[in-house]
Amino acid sequence: MAKQQAAVPGERHQGPAIVDSQIGRAFIGLREMLLHGELARGERISELPLVARLGTSRTPIRLALERLAHMGLLDVVATGGFAVRGFTLAEVQDAIELRGVLEGTAARFAAERLREDAELNMLRQCCARMEALDGLTMDTFAGYMDLNESFHSGLVDLAKSEMVRRGIVQVSSLPFASASAMVFPTSILPNAGANLVIANDHHRSIVDAIAQRQGARAESLAREHAYVARRVLGVALSDTTAFSRIPGRPLIHISTT
């Protein structure tokens, strides 16, 4: 007979569906608190106040904390528990660079492993729809974000590599390193229209390189595409409003020395 897991004191037994729902709610709530700075960098997290705030029991909160630690948003404290992780500017740059390396590998694999041209249709549709948008405005922003995410997700699918997928998922779990992290700050910076044209040209060129089975070119283009995000980050440093709109900004520590 399978050994039953010991109950956490003070908690009733709950069915799997209810527990899963509570874990999801706790995870989303905690992640939002981290991204909006409601939990400060270096702050030791106490579970009990979160029980009342998030309206769930301690077990889902503990599991959500473990998931956030695995993603890299929390540090495991040596004496037990978790603390909010802070990131230096160099670490943010490295995370974006790493995503570029992994997406470059995905693009090369896609070119090497493409079976038929029709596999690229979804990426081509994303490119066409992004190019049809009249700049980044309040009306077009959400649509562009969805299309951009679909393009990058589709590129990973074409790599046909679970190892590459896992690596990209891991680094992209850091909010400032995801494929769309710099779209919002870009939209309010000078030359936003020109940056959008460059991004769209990169997307189209990556698809073309994959279609031509040009693995090295596809890899180089994908890495350059990610490097644009690093340039946007650099420009945003001198624009308080733009920098504040980088996902996870409160977690980033900028040295004043």
C-alpha atoms as a PDB file:
ATOM      1  CA  MET A   1       0.000   0.000   0.000  1.00  0.00           C
ATOM      2  CA  ALA A   2       1.309   3.435  -0.953  1.00  0.00           C
ATOM      3  CA  LYS A   3       2.348   5.587   1.933  1.00  0.00           C
ATOM      4  CA  GLN A   4       0.147   8.625   2.394  1.00  0.00           C
ATOM      5  CA  GLN A   5       1.777  12.024   2.616  1.00  0.00           C
ATOM      6  CA  ALA A   6       1.564  13.496   6.100  1.00  0.00           C
ATOM      7  CA  ALA A   7      -0.900  16.323   6.445  1.00  0.00           C
ATOM      8  CA  VAL A   8       0.330  19.790   7.230  1.00  0.00           C
ATOM      9  CA  PRO A   9      -0.869  20.784  10.725  1.00  0.00           C
ATOM     10  CA  GLY A  10      -3.896  23.061  10.646  1.00  0.00           C
ATOM     11  CA  GLU A  11      -4.855  22.182   7.059  1.00  0.00           C
ATOM     12  CA  ARG A  12      -7.763  20.083   5.907  1.00  0.00           C
ATOM     13  CA  HIS A  13      -7.326  17.368   3.343  1.00  0.00           C
ATOM     14  CA  GLN A  14      -8.199  18.768  -0.095  1.00  0.00           C
ATOM     15  CA  GLY A  15      -8.702  17.106  -3.456  1.00  0.00           C
ATOM     16  CA  PRO A  16      -6.015  17.336  -6.202  1.00  0.00           C
ATOM     17  CA  ALA A  17      -8.034  19.756  -8.354  1.00  0.00           C
ATOM     18  CA  ILE A  18      -8.518  22.195  -5.471  1.00  0.00           C
ATOM     19  CA  VAL A  19      -4.851  22.023  -4.485  1.00  0.00           C
ATOM     20  CA  ASP A  20      -3.701  22.549  -8.081  1.00  0.00           C
ATOM     21  CA  SER A  21      -5.996  25.553  -8.377  1.00  0.00           C
ATOM     22  CA  GLN A  22      -4.637  27.014  -5.146  1.00  0.00           C
ATOM     23  CA  ILE A  23      -1.041  26.469  -6.251  1.00  0.00           C
ATOM     24  CA  GLY A  24      -1.748  28.286  -9.504  1.00  0.00           C
ATOM     25  CA  ARG A  25      -3.414  31.172  -7.696  1.00  0.00           C
ATOM     26  CA  ALA A  26      -0.574  31.389  -5.178  1.00  0.00           C
ATOM     27  CA  PHE A  27       2.054  31.263  -7.910  1.00  0.00           C
ATOM     28  CA  ILE A  28       0.434  34.005  -9.988  1.00  0.00           C
ATOM     29  CA  GLY A  29      -0.173  36.177  -6.934  1.00  0.00           C
ATOM     30  CA  LEU A  30       3.373  35.829  -5.638  1.00  0.00           C
ATOM     31  CA  ARG A  31       4.906  36.428  -9.048  1.00  0.00           C
ATOM     32  CA  GLU A  32       2.885  39.624  -9.481  1.00  0.00           C
ATOM     33  CA  MET A  33       3.981  40.801  -6.051  1.00  0.00           C
ATOM     34  CA  LEU A  34       7.612  40.229  -7.002  1.00  0.00           C
ATOM     35  CA  LEU A  35       7.353  41.928 -10.382  1.00  0.00           C
ATOM     36  CA  HIS A  36       5.623  44.983  -8.931  1.00  0.00           C
ATOM     37  CA  GLY A  37       8.043  45.383  -6.032  1.00  0.00           C
ATOM     38  CA  GLU A  38       5.559  44.515  -3.292  1.00  0.00           C
ATOM     39  CA  LEU A  39       8.242  42.168  -1.985  1.00  0.00           C
ATOM     40  CA  ALA A  40      11.569  43.987  -1.908  1.00  0.00           C
ATOM     41  CA  ARG A  41      14.931  42.705  -3.097  1.00  0.00           C
ATOM     42  CA  GLY A  42      16.546  40.661  -0.334  1.00  0.00           C
ATOM     43  CA  GLU A  43      13.363  40.497   1.735  1.00  0.00           C
ATOM     44  CA  ARG A  44      12.902  37.288   3.687  1.00  0.00           C
ATOM     45  CA  ILE A  45       9.498  35.821   2.874  1.00  0.00           C
ATOM     46  CA  SER A  46       7.153  34.833   5.664  1.00  0.00           C
ATOM     47  CA  GLU A  47       4.475  32.338   4.663  1.00  0.00           C
ATOM     48  CA  LEU A  48       1.791  33.184   7.235  1.00  0.00           C
ATOM     49  CA  PRO A  49       1.019  36.750   6.038  1.00  0.00           C
ATOM     50  CA  LEU A  50       0.696  35.371   2.501  1.00  0.00           C
ATOM     51  CA  VAL A  51      -1.977  32.904   3.604  1.00  0.00           C
ATOM     52  CA  ALA A  52      -4.371  35.744   4.399  1.00  0.00           C
ATOM     53  CA  ARG A  53      -3.270  37.953   1.536  1.00  0.00           C
ATOM     54  CA  LEU A  54      -3.603  35.328  -1.197  1.00  0.00           C
ATOM     55  CA  GLY A  55      -6.545  33.484   0.301  1.00  0.00           C
ATOM     56  CA  THR A  56      -4.990  30.041   0.204  1.00  0.00           C
ATOM     57  CA  SER A  57      -3.402  27.573   2.595  1.00  0.00           C
ATOM     58  CA  ARG A  58       0.289  27.188   3.399  1.00  0.00           C
ATOM     59  CA  THR A  59       0.982  24.120   1.278  1.00  0.00           C
ATOM     60  CA  PRO A  60       0.149  25.802  -2.074  1.00  0.00           C
ATOM     61  CA  ILE A  61       2.139  28.858  -1.021  1.00  0.00           C
ATOM     62  CA  ARG A  62       5.146  26.730  -0.123  1.00  0.00           C
ATOM     63  CA  LEU A  63       4.967  24.900  -3.464  1.00  0.00           C
ATOM     64  CA  ALA A  64       4.600  28.183  -5.336  1.00  0.00           C
ATOM     65  CA  LEU A  65       7.659  29.556  -3.526  1.00  0.00           C
ATOM     66  CA  GLU A  66       9.641  26.486  -4.538  1.00  0.00           C
ATOM     67  CA  ARG A  67       8.598  26.977  -8.154  1.00  0.00           C
ATOM     68  CA  LEU A  68       9.623  30.634  -8.091  1.00  0.00           C
ATOM     69  CA  ALA A  69      12.977  29.648  -6.587  1.00  0.00           C
ATOM     70  CA  HIS A  70      13.465  27.127  -9.398  1.00  0.00           C
ATOM     71  CA  MET A  71      12.733  29.905 -11.895  1.00  0.00           C
ATOM     72  CA  GLY A  72      15.421  32.041 -10.271  1.00  0.00           C
ATOM     73  CA  LEU A  73      13.221  34.763  -8.785  1.00  0.00           C
ATOM     74  CA  LEU A  74      13.843  33.674  -5.196  1.00  0.00           C
ATOM     75  CA  ASP A  75      16.930  32.571  -3.282  1.00  0.00           C
ATOM     76  CA  VAL A  76      16.868  29.623  -0.910  1.00  0.00           C
ATOM     77  CA  VAL A  77      18.081  30.819   2.487  1.00  0.00           C
ATOM     78  CA  ALA A  78      20.684  28.589   4.155  1.00  0.00           C
ATOM     79  CA  THR A  79      18.774  28.580   7.432  1.00  0.00           C
ATOM     80  CA  GLY A  80      15.506  27.713   5.676  1.00  0.00           C
ATOM     81  CA  GLY A  81      12.877  29.572   3.705  1.00  0.00           C
ATOM     82  CA  PHE A  82      13.174  31.974   0.795  1.00  0.00           C
ATOM     83  CA  ALA A  83      14.256  35.534   0.081  1.00  0.00           C
ATOM     84  CA  VAL A  84      13.563  37.791  -2.901  1.00  0.00           C
ATOM     85  CA  ARG A  85      16.423  37.711  -5.351  1.00  0.00           C
ATOM     86  CA  GLY A  86      17.876  40.918  -6.733  1.00  0.00           C
ATOM     87  CA  PHE A  87      19.625  41.192 -10.092  1.00  0.00           C
ATOM     88  CA  THR A  88      22.500  43.411 -11.119  1.00  0.00           C
ATOM     89  CA  LEU A  89      22.464  45.121 -14.496  1.00  0.00           C
ATOM     90  CA  ALA A  90      25.211  42.742 -15.633  1.00  0.00           C
ATOM     91  CA  GLU A  91      23.046  39.751 -14.726  1.00  0.00           C
ATOM     92  CA  VAL A  92      20.134  41.179 -16.722  1.00  0.00           C
ATOM     93  CA  GLN A  93      22.411  41.683 -19.724  1.00  0.00           C
ATOM     94  CA  ASP A  94      23.783  38.158 -19.360  1.00  0.00           C
ATOM     95  CA  ALA A  95      20.265  36.697 -19.223  1.00  0.00           C
ATOM     96  CA  ILE A  96      19.292  38.462 -22.461  1.00  0.00           C
ATOM     97  CA  GLU A  97      22.562  37.351 -24.048  1.00  0.00           C
ATOM     98  CA  LEU A  98      21.932  33.753 -23.011  1.00  0.00           C
ATOM     99  CA  ARG A  99      18.450  33.815 -24.529  1.00  0.00           C
ATOM    100  CA  GLY A 100      20.026  35.074 -27.749  1.00  0.00           C
ATOM    101  CA  VAL A 101      22.515  32.192 -27.754  1.00  0.00           C
ATOM    102  CA  LEU A 102      19.745  29.649 -27.190  1.00  0.00           C
ATOM    103  CA  GLU A 103      17.417  31.170 -29.784  1.00  0.00           C
ATOM    104  CA  GLY A 104      20.331  31.265 -32.205  1.00  0.00           C
ATOM    105  CA  THR A 105      20.826  27.546 -31.623  1.00  0.00           C
ATOM    106  CA  ALA A 106      17.079  27.029 -32.121  1.00  0.00           C
ATOM    107  CA  ALA A 107      17.221  28.871 -35.452  1.00  0.00           C
ATOM    108  CA  ARG A 108      20.204  26.811 -36.621  1.00  0.00           C
ATOM    109  CA  PHE A 109      18.525  23.567 -35.612  1.00  0.00           C
ATOM    110  CA  ALA A 110      15.354  24.688 -37.403  1.00  0.00           C
ATOM    111  CA  ALA A 111      17.327  25.231 -40.626  1.00  0.00           C
ATOM    112  CA  GLU A 112      19.081  21.879 -40.290  1.00  0.00           C
ATOM    113  CA  ARG A 113      15.964  19.916 -39.349  1.00  0.00           C
ATOM    114  CA  LEU A 114      13.350  21.511 -41.602  1.00  0.00           C
ATOM    115  CA  ARG A 115      11.485  18.796 -43.500  1.00  0.00           C
ATOM    116  CA  GLU A 116       9.254  20.873 -45.749  1.00  0.00           C
ATOM    117  CA  ASP A 117       8.757  24.546 -46.485  1.00  0.00           C
ATOM    118  CA  ALA A 118       5.153  24.480 -45.236  1.00  0.00           C
ATOM    119  CA  GLU A 119       6.473  24.162 -41.672  1.00  0.00           C
ATOM    120  CA  LEU A 120       7.368  27.863 -41.898  1.00  0.00           C
ATOM    121  CA  ASN A 121       3.850  29.027 -42.736  1.00  0.00           C
ATOM    122  CA  MET A 122       2.969  29.966 -39.173  1.00  0.00           C
ATOM    123  CA  LEU A 123       6.098  32.094 -38.782  1.00  0.00           C
ATOM    124  CA  ARG A 124       5.395  33.780 -42.131  1.00  0.00           C
ATOM    125  CA  GLN A 125       1.860  34.583 -41.028  1.00  0.00           C
ATOM    126  CA  CYS A 126       3.184  36.135 -37.818  1.00  0.00           C
ATOM    127  CA  CYS A 127       5.634  38.243 -39.836  1.00  0.00           C
ATOM    128  CA  ALA A 128       2.937  39.445 -42.222  1.00  0.00           C
ATOM    129  CA  ARG A 129       0.565  40.403 -39.426  1.00  0.00           C
ATOM    130  CA  MET A 130       3.285  42.230 -37.445  1.00  0.00           C
ATOM    131  CA  GLU A 131       4.369  44.115 -40.546  1.00  0.00           C
ATOM    132  CA  ALA A 132       0.753  45.139 -41.204  1.00  0.00           C
ATOM    133  CA  LEU A 133       0.460  46.884 -37.841  1.00  0.00           C
ATOM    134  CA  ASP A 134       0.676  50.657 -37.945  1.00  0.00           C
ATOM    135  CA  GLY A 135       3.390  51.085 -35.326  1.00  0.00           C
ATOM    136  CA  LEU A 136       3.200  50.361 -31.606  1.00  0.00           C
ATOM    137  CA  THR A 137       0.159  52.180 -30.243  1.00  0.00           C
ATOM    138  CA  MET A 138      -2.291  51.526 -27.430  1.00  0.00           C
ATOM    139  CA  ASP A 139      -4.505  49.827 -30.016  1.00  0.00           C
ATOM    140  CA  THR A 140      -1.825  47.624 -31.574  1.00  0.00           C
ATOM    141  CA  PHE A 141       0.454  46.894 -28.622  1.00  0.00           C
ATOM    142  CA  ALA A 142      -1.343  43.805 -27.268  1.00  0.00           C
ATOM    143  CA  GLY A 143      -1.686  42.306 -30.741  1.00  0.00           C
ATOM    144  CA  TYR A 144       1.994  42.818 -31.474  1.00  0.00           C
ATOM    145  CA  MET A 145       2.981  41.221 -28.179  1.00  0.00           C
ATOM    146  CA  ASP A 146       0.868  38.136 -28.926  1.00  0.00           C
ATOM    147  CA  LEU A 147       2.283  37.810 -32.447  1.00  0.00           C
ATOM    148  CA  ASN A 148       5.850  38.286 -31.226  1.00  0.00           C
ATOM    149  CA  GLU A 149       5.405  35.592 -28.579  1.00  0.00           C
ATOM    150  CA  SER A 150       3.897  33.258 -31.184  1.00  0.00           C
ATOM    151  CA  PHE A 151       6.832  33.850 -33.531  1.00  0.00           C
ATOM    152  CA  HIS A 152       9.450  33.053 -30.907  1.00  0.00           C
ATOM    153  CA  SER A 153       7.497  30.043 -29.647  1.00  0.00           C
ATOM    154  CA  GLY A 154       7.117  28.768 -33.197  1.00  0.00           C
ATOM    155  CA  LEU A 155      10.851  29.151 -33.789  1.00  0.00           C
ATOM    156  CA  VAL A 156      11.558  26.952 -30.768  1.00  0.00           C
ATOM    157  CA  ASP A 157       9.056  24.377 -32.046  1.00  0.00           C
ATOM    158  CA  LEU A 158      10.916  24.180 -35.366  1.00  0.00           C
ATOM    159  CA  ALA A 159      14.184  23.433 -33.555  1.00  0.00           C
ATOM    160  CA  LYS A 160      12.699  20.055 -32.597  1.00  0.00           C
ATOM    161  CA  SER A 161      14.848  19.981 -29.476  1.00  0.00           C
ATOM    162  CA  GLU A 162      13.455  19.488 -25.997  1.00  0.00           C
ATOM    163  CA  MET A 163      16.818  20.486 -24.515  1.00  0.00           C
ATOM    164  CA  VAL A 164      16.789  23.854 -26.294  1.00  0.00           C
ATOM    165  CA  ARG A 165      13.161  24.372 -25.311  1.00  0.00           C
ATOM    166  CA  ARG A 166      13.923  23.751 -21.640  1.00  0.00           C
ATOM    167  CA  GLY A 167      16.843  26.161 -21.700  1.00  0.00           C
ATOM    168  CA  ILE A 168      14.801  28.934 -23.300  1.00  0.00           C
ATOM    169  CA  VAL A 169      11.889  28.390 -20.919  1.00  0.00           C
ATOM    170  CA  GLN A 170      14.262  28.634 -17.964  1.00  0.00           C
ATOM    171  CA  VAL A 171      15.997  31.858 -19.003  1.00  0.00           C
ATOM    172  CA  SER A 172      12.721  33.408 -20.224  1.00  0.00           C
ATOM    173  CA  SER A 173      11.164  32.817 -16.812  1.00  0.00           C
ATOM    174  CA  LEU A 174      13.212  35.841 -15.728  1.00  0.00           C
ATOM    175  CA  PRO A 175      10.717  38.508 -16.828  1.00  0.00           C
ATOM    176  CA  PHE A 176      13.280  40.964 -18.160  1.00  0.00           C
ATOM    177  CA  ALA A 177      14.881  38.313 -20.391  1.00  0.00           C
ATOM    178  CA  SER A 178      11.796  37.063 -22.242  1.00  0.00           C
ATOM    179  CA  ALA A 179      11.389  37.606 -25.977  1.00  0.00           C
ATOM    180  CA  SER A 180       8.892  40.440 -25.497  1.00  0.00           C
ATOM    181  CA  ALA A 181      10.402  42.030 -22.387  1.00  0.00           C
ATOM    182  CA  MET A 182      11.706  45.128 -24.170  1.00  0.00           C
ATOM    183  CA  VAL A 183       8.688  45.713 -26.406  1.00  0.00           C
ATOM    184  CA  PHE A 184       6.891  47.868 -23.822  1.00  0.00           C
ATOM    185  CA  PRO A 185       9.843  50.183 -23.069  1.00  0.00           C
ATOM    186  CA  THR A 186      10.627  50.351 -26.802  1.00  0.00           C
ATOM    187  CA  SER A 187       7.133  51.650 -27.517  1.00  0.00           C
ATOM    188  CA  ILE A 188       7.734  54.876 -25.555  1.00  0.00           C
ATOM    189  CA  LEU A 189      11.357  55.505 -26.544  1.00  0.00           C
ATOM    190  CA  PRO A 190      12.443  57.776 -29.403  1.00  0.00           C
ATOM    191  CA  ASN A 191      12.683  56.017 -32.784  1.00  0.00           C
ATOM    192  CA  ALA A 192      10.195  53.358 -31.694  1.00  0.00           C
ATOM    193  CA  GLY A 193       8.981  53.071 -35.278  1.00  0.00           C
ATOM    194  CA  ALA A 194      12.494  52.462 -36.609  1.00  0.00           C
ATOM    195  CA  ASN A 195      13.144  49.817 -33.943  1.00  0.00           C
ATOM    196  CA  LEU A 196       9.924  48.059 -34.928  1.00  0.00           C
ATOM    197  CA  VAL A 197      11.022  48.000 -38.571  1.00  0.00           C
ATOM    198  CA  ILE A 198      14.360  46.465 -37.531  1.00  0.00           C
ATOM    199  CA  ALA A 199      12.653  43.806 -35.421  1.00  0.00           C
ATOM    200  CA  ASN A 200      10.272  42.900 -38.233  1.00  0.00           C
ATOM    201  CA  ASP A 201      13.153  42.707 -40.692  1.00  0.00           C
ATOM    202  CA  HIS A 202      15.000  40.353 -38.325  1.00  0.00           C
ATOM    203  CA  HIS A 203      11.943  38.116 -38.070  1.00  0.00           C
ATOM    204  CA  ARG A 204      11.537  37.933 -41.851  1.00  0.00           C
ATOM    205  CA  SER A 205      15.273  37.341 -42.403  1.00  0.00           C
ATOM    206  CA  ILE A 206      15.363  34.512 -39.848  1.00  0.00           C
ATOM    207  CA  VAL A 207      12.499  32.768 -41.658  1.00  0.00           C
ATOM    208  CA  ASP A 208      14.246  33.244 -45.002  1.00  0.00           C
ATOM    209  CA  ALA A 209      17.515  31.805 -43.681  1.00  0.00           C
ATOM    210  CA  ILE A 210      15.720  28.757 -42.280  1.00  0.00           C
ATOM    211  CA  ALA A 211      13.866  28.259 -45.578  1.00  0.00           C
ATOM    212  CA  GLN A 212      17.203  28.348 -47.437  1.00  0.00           C
ATOM    213  CA  ARG A 213      18.675  25.842 -44.934  1.00  0.00           C
ATOM    214  CA  GLN A 214      21.305  28.435 -44.003  1.00  0.00           C
ATOM    215  CA  GLY A 215      21.923  27.357 -40.424  1.00  0.00           C
ATOM    216  CA  ALA A 216      24.849  29.664 -39.607  1.00  0.00           C
ATOM    217  CA  ARG A 217      23.024  32.702 -41.013  1.00  0.00           C
ATOM    218  CA  ALA A 218      19.826  31.859 -39.136  1.00  0.00           C
ATOM    219  CA  GLU A 219      21.798  31.508 -35.908  1.00  0.00           C
ATOM    220  CA  SER A 220      23.595  34.824 -36.396  1.00  0.00           C
ATOM    221  CA  LEU A 221      20.355  36.670 -37.174  1.00  0.00           C
ATOM    222  CA  ALA A 222      18.558  35.274 -34.121  1.00  0.00           C
ATOM    223  CA  ARG A 223      21.430  36.278 -31.869  1.00  0.00           C
ATOM    224  CA  GLU A 224      21.518  39.776 -33.353  1.00  0.00           C
ATOM    225  CA  HIS A 225      17.751  40.012 -32.842  1.00  0.00           C
ATOM    226  CA  ALA A 226      18.180  39.330 -29.121  1.00  0.00           C
ATOM    227  CA  TYR A 227      21.026  41.827 -28.973  1.00  0.00           C
ATOM    228  CA  VAL A 228      18.550  44.559 -29.946  1.00  0.00           C
ATOM    229  CA  ALA A 229      16.921  43.983 -26.552  1.00  0.00           C
ATOM    230  CA  ARG A 230      20.259  44.714 -24.872  1.00  0.00           C
ATOM    231  CA  ARG A 231      20.528  47.971 -26.819  1.00  0.00           C
ATOM    232  CA  VAL A 232      17.015  48.953 -25.769  1.00  0.00           C
ATOM    233  CA  LEU A 233      17.949  48.208 -22.166  1.00  0.00           C
ATOM    234  CA  GLY A 234      20.946  50.510 -22.478  1.00  0.00           C
ATOM    235  CA  VAL A 235      18.832  53.341 -23.901  1.00  0.00           C
ATOM    236  CA  ALA A 236      16.130  52.805 -21.273  1.00  0.00           C
ATOM    237  CA  LEU A 237      18.684  53.382 -18.497  1.00  0.00           C
ATOM    238  CA  SER A 238      18.644  57.093 -19.332  1.00  0.00           C
ATOM    239  CA  ASP A 239      14.847  57.275 -19.540  1.00  0.00           C
ATOM    240  CA  THR A 240      13.143  56.807 -16.171  1.00  0.00           C
ATOM    241  CA  THR A 241       9.706  56.142 -17.631  1.00  0.00           C
ATOM    242  CA  ALA A 242      10.945  53.573 -20.144  1.00  0.00           C
ATOM    243  CA  PHE A 243      13.122  51.815 -17.573  1.00  0.00           C
ATOM    244  CA  SER A 244      10.214  51.580 -15.144  1.00  0.00           C
ATOM    245  CA  ARG A 245       8.282  49.615 -17.775  1.00  0.00           C
ATOM    246  CA  ILE A 246      10.776  46.786 -18.045  1.00  0.00           C
ATOM    247  CA  PRO A 247       9.115  43.655 -16.618  1.00  0.00           C
ATOM    248  CA  GLY A 248      10.514  42.911 -13.181  1.00  0.00           C
ATOM    249  CA  ARG A 249      12.163  46.338 -12.877  1.00  0.00           C
ATOM    250  CA  PRO A 250      11.909  46.374  -9.034  1.00  0.00           C
ATOM    251  CA  LEU A 251      14.137  43.285  -8.920  1.00  0.00           C
ATOM    252  CA  ILE A 252      16.941  45.044 -10.804  1.00  0.00           C
ATOM    253  CA  HIS A 253      19.587  46.875  -8.775  1.00  0.00           C
ATOM    254  CA  ILE A 254      21.330  49.726 -10.536  1.00  0.00           C
ATOM    255  CA  SER A 255      24.560  50.790  -8.868  1.00  0.00           C
ATOM    256  CA  THR A 256      24.914  54.532  -8.400  1.00  0.00           C
ATOM    257  CA  THR A 257      28.675  54.375  -8.002  1.00  0.00           C
END
